[in-house]
Amino acid sequence: MNKITIVGNLGKDPELKFTPSGQATAKFSLATSRKVKDEWVSTWHSVVAWGQLAENIASSCQKGDRLVVIGRYDNREWEDKNNNKRVSYEISAEEVAVSMKNAVMNVSRVEYSGKNEEEAF
């Protein structure tokens, strides 16, 4: 099974594009960091998402957001214009969520009157 889960920060806003057939694709970079001695070291990961997930990411996520990405780790091989073999690695996202570890949120209580359920929300 090829499954990877990473938690990191968005390096820049996701880039949303559409294939000629109309399929949405979003590409973004995610930085994971770890402390080595007294210094923070970051690793940058390329992530791609497709379809509705891509559209949701592009409309909901922005640079700096801390995300949890679950997906498949893929590599692509090709030859450049000088006929050199090249390889790139990327994560094909299956699920993306905002990390709540360091989130700040306001919670308020809504009183339910019992009259009309829609009015309570």
N, C-alpha and C. Protein backbone atom coordinates (compact mmCIF):
# COMPACT_ATOMS: atom_id res chain seq x y z
N MET A 1 0.84 -1.18 0.00
CA MET A 1 0.00 0.00 0.00
C MET A 1 0.89 1.24 0.00
N ASN A 2 0.59 2.18 -0.85
CA ASN A 2 1.34 3.42 -0.96
C ASN A 2 0.48 4.54 -0.37
N LYS A 3 0.71 4.86 0.90
CA LYS A 3 -0.08 5.89 1.58
C LYS A 3 0.86 6.75 2.41
N ILE A 4 0.69 8.07 2.30
CA ILE A 4 1.53 9.00 3.05
C ILE A 4 0.63 10.03 3.72
N THR A 5 1.00 10.42 4.94
CA THR A 5 0.32 11.49 5.65
C THR A 5 1.36 12.50 6.09
N ILE A 6 1.17 13.75 5.72
CA ILE A 6 2.09 14.80 6.16
C ILE A 6 1.28 15.98 6.72
N VAL A 7 1.91 16.68 7.62
CA VAL A 7 1.33 17.88 8.21
C VAL A 7 2.35 18.99 8.01
N GLY A 8 1.93 20.07 7.38
CA GLY A 8 2.86 21.16 7.12
C GLY A 8 2.13 22.44 6.76
N ASN A 9 2.92 23.45 6.40
CA ASN A 9 2.38 24.76 6.08
C ASN A 9 2.44 25.04 4.59
N LEU A 10 1.35 25.62 4.08
CA LEU A 10 1.27 25.98 2.67
C LEU A 10 2.30 27.07 2.35
N GLY A 11 3.12 26.83 1.33
CA GLY A 11 4.15 27.80 0.95
C GLY A 11 3.61 29.00 0.20
N LYS A 12 2.56 28.79 -0.59
CA LYS A 12 1.88 29.88 -1.30
C LYS A 12 0.47 29.41 -1.61
N ASP A 13 -0.36 30.31 -2.08
CA ASP A 13 -1.74 29.95 -2.40
C ASP A 13 -1.74 28.83 -3.43
N PRO A 14 -2.67 27.88 -3.32
CA PRO A 14 -2.77 26.80 -4.30
C PRO A 14 -3.05 27.36 -5.70
N GLU A 15 -2.52 26.69 -6.71
CA GLU A 15 -2.71 27.09 -8.10
C GLU A 15 -3.75 26.17 -8.74
N LEU A 16 -4.91 26.73 -9.08
CA LEU A 16 -6.00 25.96 -9.67
C LEU A 16 -5.97 26.10 -11.18
N LYS A 17 -6.00 24.97 -11.87
CA LYS A 17 -6.06 24.94 -13.33
C LYS A 17 -7.08 23.88 -13.74
N PHE A 18 -7.42 23.89 -15.02
CA PHE A 18 -8.35 22.91 -15.56
C PHE A 18 -7.74 22.25 -16.78
N THR A 19 -7.92 20.94 -16.88
CA THR A 19 -7.45 20.21 -18.05
C THR A 19 -8.35 20.56 -19.23
N PRO A 20 -7.93 20.24 -20.46
CA PRO A 20 -8.80 20.51 -21.62
C PRO A 20 -10.18 19.86 -21.51
N SER A 21 -10.28 18.76 -20.78
CA SER A 21 -11.59 18.11 -20.61
C SER A 21 -12.41 18.71 -19.48
N GLY A 22 -11.85 19.72 -18.78
CA GLY A 22 -12.59 20.40 -17.72
C GLY A 22 -12.33 19.89 -16.32
N GLN A 23 -11.42 18.96 -16.16
CA GLN A 23 -11.07 18.41 -14.84
C GLN A 23 -10.23 19.42 -14.06
N ALA A 24 -10.64 19.74 -12.83
CA ALA A 24 -9.89 20.67 -11.99
C ALA A 24 -8.66 20.00 -11.40
N THR A 25 -7.58 20.76 -11.31
CA THR A 25 -6.37 20.29 -10.64
C THR A 25 -5.77 21.45 -9.85
N ALA A 26 -5.35 21.16 -8.64
CA ALA A 26 -4.71 22.18 -7.79
C ALA A 26 -3.34 21.67 -7.41
N LYS A 27 -2.35 22.54 -7.58
CA LYS A 27 -0.99 22.20 -7.16
C LYS A 27 -0.58 23.19 -6.07
N PHE A 28 0.13 22.65 -5.08
CA PHE A 28 0.64 23.51 -4.02
C PHE A 28 1.84 22.85 -3.38
N SER A 29 2.61 23.66 -2.64
CA SER A 29 3.77 23.14 -1.93
C SER A 29 3.50 23.22 -0.43
N LEU A 30 3.95 22.20 0.27
CA LEU A 30 3.75 22.10 1.71
C LEU A 30 5.11 21.93 2.37
N ALA A 31 5.40 22.74 3.37
CA ALA A 31 6.67 22.65 4.08
C ALA A 31 6.49 21.91 5.39
N THR A 32 7.30 20.88 5.59
CA THR A 32 7.36 20.22 6.88
C THR A 32 8.68 20.62 7.51
N SER A 33 8.69 20.84 8.82
CA SER A 33 9.89 21.33 9.49
C SER A 33 10.23 20.46 10.69
N ARG A 34 11.52 20.38 10.96
CA ARG A 34 11.99 19.66 12.14
C ARG A 34 13.21 20.41 12.67
N LYS A 35 13.43 20.25 13.96
CA LYS A 35 14.55 20.93 14.58
C LYS A 35 15.76 20.01 14.61
N VAL A 36 16.86 20.50 14.08
CA VAL A 36 18.13 19.78 14.08
C VAL A 36 19.10 20.64 14.87
N LYS A 37 19.49 20.13 16.03
CA LYS A 37 20.30 20.89 16.99
C LYS A 37 19.56 22.16 17.34
N ASP A 38 20.09 23.32 17.02
CA ASP A 38 19.42 24.58 17.35
C ASP A 38 18.82 25.26 16.13
N GLU A 39 18.62 24.51 15.07
CA GLU A 39 18.18 25.11 13.81
C GLU A 39 16.98 24.36 13.24
N TRP A 40 16.04 25.10 12.67
CA TRP A 40 14.89 24.49 12.01
C TRP A 40 15.24 24.19 10.56
N VAL A 41 14.94 22.98 10.13
CA VAL A 41 15.19 22.55 8.75
C VAL A 41 13.85 22.22 8.11
N SER A 42 13.59 22.78 6.93
CA SER A 42 12.32 22.54 6.24
C SER A 42 12.53 21.67 5.02
N THR A 43 11.55 20.82 4.76
CA THR A 43 11.51 20.02 3.55
C THR A 43 10.25 20.41 2.80
N TRP A 44 10.40 20.69 1.51
CA TRP A 44 9.26 21.11 0.70
C TRP A 44 8.73 19.94 -0.09
N HIS A 45 7.41 19.77 -0.07
CA HIS A 45 6.73 18.68 -0.75
C HIS A 45 5.78 19.26 -1.80
N SER A 46 5.80 18.69 -2.99
CA SER A 46 4.85 19.07 -4.04
C SER A 46 3.61 18.21 -3.88
N VAL A 47 2.44 18.86 -3.94
CA VAL A 47 1.17 18.15 -3.77
C VAL A 47 0.25 18.52 -4.92
N VAL A 48 -0.48 17.54 -5.43
CA VAL A 48 -1.48 17.77 -6.47
C VAL A 48 -2.79 17.15 -6.03
N ALA A 49 -3.89 17.83 -6.32
CA ALA A 49 -5.24 17.32 -6.02
C ALA A 49 -6.08 17.48 -7.27
N TRP A 50 -7.11 16.65 -7.38
CA TRP A 50 -7.94 16.62 -8.58
C TRP A 50 -9.42 16.78 -8.23
N GLY A 51 -10.19 17.21 -9.21
CA GLY A 51 -11.65 17.26 -9.10
C GLY A 51 -12.15 18.24 -8.05
N GLN A 52 -13.21 17.81 -7.37
CA GLN A 52 -13.84 18.67 -6.36
C GLN A 52 -12.88 19.00 -5.23
N LEU A 53 -12.02 18.05 -4.86
CA LEU A 53 -11.03 18.32 -3.82
C LEU A 53 -10.13 19.48 -4.23
N ALA A 54 -9.70 19.51 -5.48
CA ALA A 54 -8.85 20.60 -5.98
C ALA A 54 -9.57 21.94 -5.87
N GLU A 55 -10.83 21.97 -6.27
CA GLU A 55 -11.59 23.21 -6.20
C GLU A 55 -11.79 23.66 -4.76
N ASN A 56 -12.07 22.72 -3.86
CA ASN A 56 -12.24 23.06 -2.45
C ASN A 56 -10.96 23.63 -1.85
N ILE A 57 -9.83 23.02 -2.18
CA ILE A 57 -8.54 23.50 -1.67
C ILE A 57 -8.28 24.91 -2.17
N ALA A 58 -8.48 25.13 -3.46
CA ALA A 58 -8.19 26.44 -4.05
C ALA A 58 -9.06 27.54 -3.46
N SER A 59 -10.30 27.22 -3.12
CA SER A 59 -11.20 28.25 -2.59
C SER A 59 -11.10 28.40 -1.08
N SER A 60 -10.51 27.43 -0.38
CA SER A 60 -10.53 27.46 1.08
C SER A 60 -9.17 27.64 1.74
N CYS A 61 -8.09 27.38 1.03
CA CYS A 61 -6.75 27.38 1.65
C CYS A 61 -5.90 28.51 1.09
N GLN A 62 -5.03 29.03 1.94
CA GLN A 62 -4.14 30.09 1.49
C GLN A 62 -2.78 29.96 2.16
N LYS A 63 -1.83 30.68 1.60
CA LYS A 63 -0.46 30.65 2.08
C LYS A 63 -0.42 30.74 3.61
N GLY A 64 0.39 29.85 4.20
CA GLY A 64 0.57 29.84 5.65
C GLY A 64 -0.34 28.88 6.40
N ASP A 65 -1.44 28.45 5.77
CA ASP A 65 -2.35 27.52 6.45
C ASP A 65 -1.61 26.22 6.79
N ARG A 66 -1.92 25.69 7.96
CA ARG A 66 -1.35 24.40 8.37
C ARG A 66 -2.33 23.30 7.97
N LEU A 67 -1.86 22.39 7.10
CA LEU A 67 -2.73 21.37 6.53
C LEU A 67 -2.26 19.97 6.85
N VAL A 68 -3.22 19.06 6.88
CA VAL A 68 -2.96 17.63 6.96
C VAL A 68 -3.29 17.08 5.57
N VAL A 69 -2.33 16.41 4.94
CA VAL A 69 -2.54 15.85 3.61
C VAL A 69 -2.34 14.34 3.69
N ILE A 70 -3.33 13.60 3.19
CA ILE A 70 -3.25 12.15 3.09
C ILE A 70 -3.33 11.82 1.60
N GLY A 71 -2.40 11.00 1.14
CA GLY A 71 -2.42 10.68 -0.27
C GLY A 71 -1.45 9.59 -0.64
N ARG A 72 -1.11 9.59 -1.91
CA ARG A 72 -0.22 8.59 -2.49
C ARG A 72 1.06 9.30 -2.93
N TYR A 73 2.20 8.69 -2.65
CA TYR A 73 3.49 9.26 -3.03
C TYR A 73 3.85 8.75 -4.42
N ASP A 74 3.96 9.63 -5.39
CA ASP A 74 4.22 9.25 -6.78
C ASP A 74 5.51 9.87 -7.29
N ASN A 75 6.07 9.24 -8.31
CA ASN A 75 7.19 9.84 -9.01
C ASN A 75 6.88 9.85 -10.50
N ARG A 76 7.40 10.85 -11.19
CA ARG A 76 7.25 10.96 -12.64
C ARG A 76 8.64 11.02 -13.24
N GLU A 77 8.82 10.30 -14.33
CA GLU A 77 10.11 10.29 -15.02
C GLU A 77 9.93 10.84 -16.43
N TRP A 78 10.89 11.61 -16.89
CA TRP A 78 10.87 12.15 -18.24
C TRP A 78 12.29 12.51 -18.66
N GLU A 79 12.44 12.85 -19.92
CA GLU A 79 13.72 13.32 -20.43
C GLU A 79 13.61 14.80 -20.72
N ASP A 80 14.60 15.57 -20.29
CA ASP A 80 14.58 17.00 -20.56
C ASP A 80 15.04 17.25 -22.00
N LYS A 81 15.13 18.52 -22.37
CA LYS A 81 15.47 18.86 -23.77
C LYS A 81 16.88 18.43 -24.16
N ASN A 82 17.73 18.13 -23.16
CA ASN A 82 19.09 17.65 -23.43
C ASN A 82 19.19 16.13 -23.32
N ASN A 83 18.02 15.47 -23.31
CA ASN A 83 17.93 14.01 -23.20
C ASN A 83 18.48 13.46 -21.89
N ASN A 84 18.47 14.26 -20.85
CA ASN A 84 18.85 13.79 -19.52
C ASN A 84 17.61 13.25 -18.82
N LYS A 85 17.77 12.11 -18.17
CA LYS A 85 16.66 11.53 -17.44
C LYS A 85 16.39 12.35 -16.18
N ARG A 86 15.14 12.72 -15.98
CA ARG A 86 14.73 13.53 -14.83
C ARG A 86 13.64 12.79 -14.06
N VAL A 87 13.58 13.04 -12.77
CA VAL A 87 12.57 12.44 -11.91
C VAL A 87 12.03 13.52 -10.98
N SER A 88 10.73 13.55 -10.80
CA SER A 88 10.15 14.44 -9.79
C SER A 88 9.23 13.60 -8.90
N TYR A 89 9.07 14.04 -7.69
CA TYR A 89 8.24 13.34 -6.71
C TYR A 89 7.13 14.28 -6.26
N GLU A 90 5.93 13.73 -6.10
CA GLU A 90 4.81 14.53 -5.62
C GLU A 90 3.83 13.65 -4.87
N ILE A 91 3.03 14.30 -4.06
CA ILE A 91 1.97 13.61 -3.33
C ILE A 91 0.66 13.86 -4.07
N SER A 92 -0.04 12.80 -4.44
CA SER A 92 -1.37 12.91 -5.02
C SER A 92 -2.36 12.85 -3.86
N ALA A 93 -2.95 14.01 -3.56
CA ALA A 93 -3.81 14.12 -2.38
C ALA A 93 -5.12 13.38 -2.56
N GLU A 94 -5.49 12.64 -1.53
CA GLU A 94 -6.80 11.99 -1.47
C GLU A 94 -7.71 12.71 -0.47
N GLU A 95 -7.09 13.26 0.58
CA GLU A 95 -7.81 14.05 1.58
C GLU A 95 -6.91 15.19 2.04
N VAL A 96 -7.52 16.35 2.27
CA VAL A 96 -6.79 17.50 2.80
C VAL A 96 -7.68 18.15 3.85
N ALA A 97 -7.09 18.46 5.00
CA ALA A 97 -7.85 19.10 6.07
C ALA A 97 -6.97 20.14 6.76
N VAL A 98 -7.61 21.08 7.38
CA VAL A 98 -6.90 22.09 8.16
C VAL A 98 -6.51 21.48 9.50
N SER A 99 -5.27 21.66 9.91
CA SER A 99 -4.81 21.17 11.20
C SER A 99 -5.35 22.08 12.29
N MET A 100 -5.94 21.49 13.31
CA MET A 100 -6.51 22.27 14.41
C MET A 100 -5.58 22.36 15.61
N LYS A 101 -4.36 21.83 15.49
CA LYS A 101 -3.42 21.79 16.61
C LYS A 101 -3.16 23.17 17.21
N ASN A 102 -2.91 24.14 16.37
CA ASN A 102 -2.60 25.49 16.87
C ASN A 102 -3.68 26.50 16.50
N ALA A 103 -4.88 26.01 16.18
CA ALA A 103 -5.96 26.89 15.74
C ALA A 103 -6.52 27.69 16.90
N VAL A 104 -6.97 28.88 16.58
CA VAL A 104 -7.67 29.72 17.54
C VAL A 104 -9.08 29.89 16.98
N MET A 105 -10.05 29.56 17.81
CA MET A 105 -11.41 29.66 17.32
C MET A 105 -12.33 30.19 18.41
N ASN A 106 -13.41 30.79 17.99
CA ASN A 106 -14.42 31.28 18.91
C ASN A 106 -15.62 30.35 18.86
N VAL A 107 -16.07 29.93 20.01
CA VAL A 107 -17.23 29.06 20.10
C VAL A 107 -18.32 29.80 20.84
N SER A 108 -19.51 29.78 20.29
CA SER A 108 -20.63 30.43 20.98
C SER A 108 -21.78 29.44 21.06
N ARG A 109 -22.55 29.60 22.07
CA ARG A 109 -23.69 28.71 22.30
C ARG A 109 -24.93 29.33 21.69
N VAL A 110 -25.68 28.54 20.97
CA VAL A 110 -26.93 28.99 20.38
C VAL A 110 -28.06 28.33 21.16
N GLU A 111 -28.95 29.16 21.68
CA GLU A 111 -30.08 28.64 22.44
C GLU A 111 -31.16 28.17 21.49
N TYR A 112 -31.66 26.99 21.72
CA TYR A 112 -32.72 26.42 20.89
C TYR A 112 -34.05 26.69 21.56
N SER A 113 -34.94 27.35 20.83
CA SER A 113 -36.24 27.70 21.40
C SER A 113 -37.27 26.59 21.20
N GLY A 114 -37.01 25.69 20.26
CA GLY A 114 -37.96 24.61 20.01
C GLY A 114 -39.03 24.98 19.00
N LYS A 115 -39.09 26.25 18.59
CA LYS A 115 -40.14 26.68 17.65
C LYS A 115 -39.78 26.27 16.22
N ASN A 116 -38.75 26.84 15.70
CA ASN A 116 -38.35 26.57 14.33
C ASN A 116 -36.87 26.26 14.32
N GLU A 117 -36.55 25.06 13.96
CA GLU A 117 -35.17 24.60 14.02
C GLU A 117 -34.23 25.48 13.20
N GLU A 118 -34.68 25.98 12.04
CA GLU A 118 -33.83 26.80 11.18
C GLU A 118 -33.52 28.13 11.84
N GLU A 119 -34.41 28.68 12.67
CA GLU A 119 -34.17 29.96 13.33
C GLU A 119 -33.05 29.88 14.34
N ALA A 120 -32.81 28.69 14.90
CA ALA A 120 -31.77 28.55 15.91
C ALA A 120 -30.38 28.65 15.30
N PHE A 121 -30.28 28.43 14.01
CA PHE A 121 -28.99 28.47 13.35
C PHE A 121 -29.01 29.53 12.33
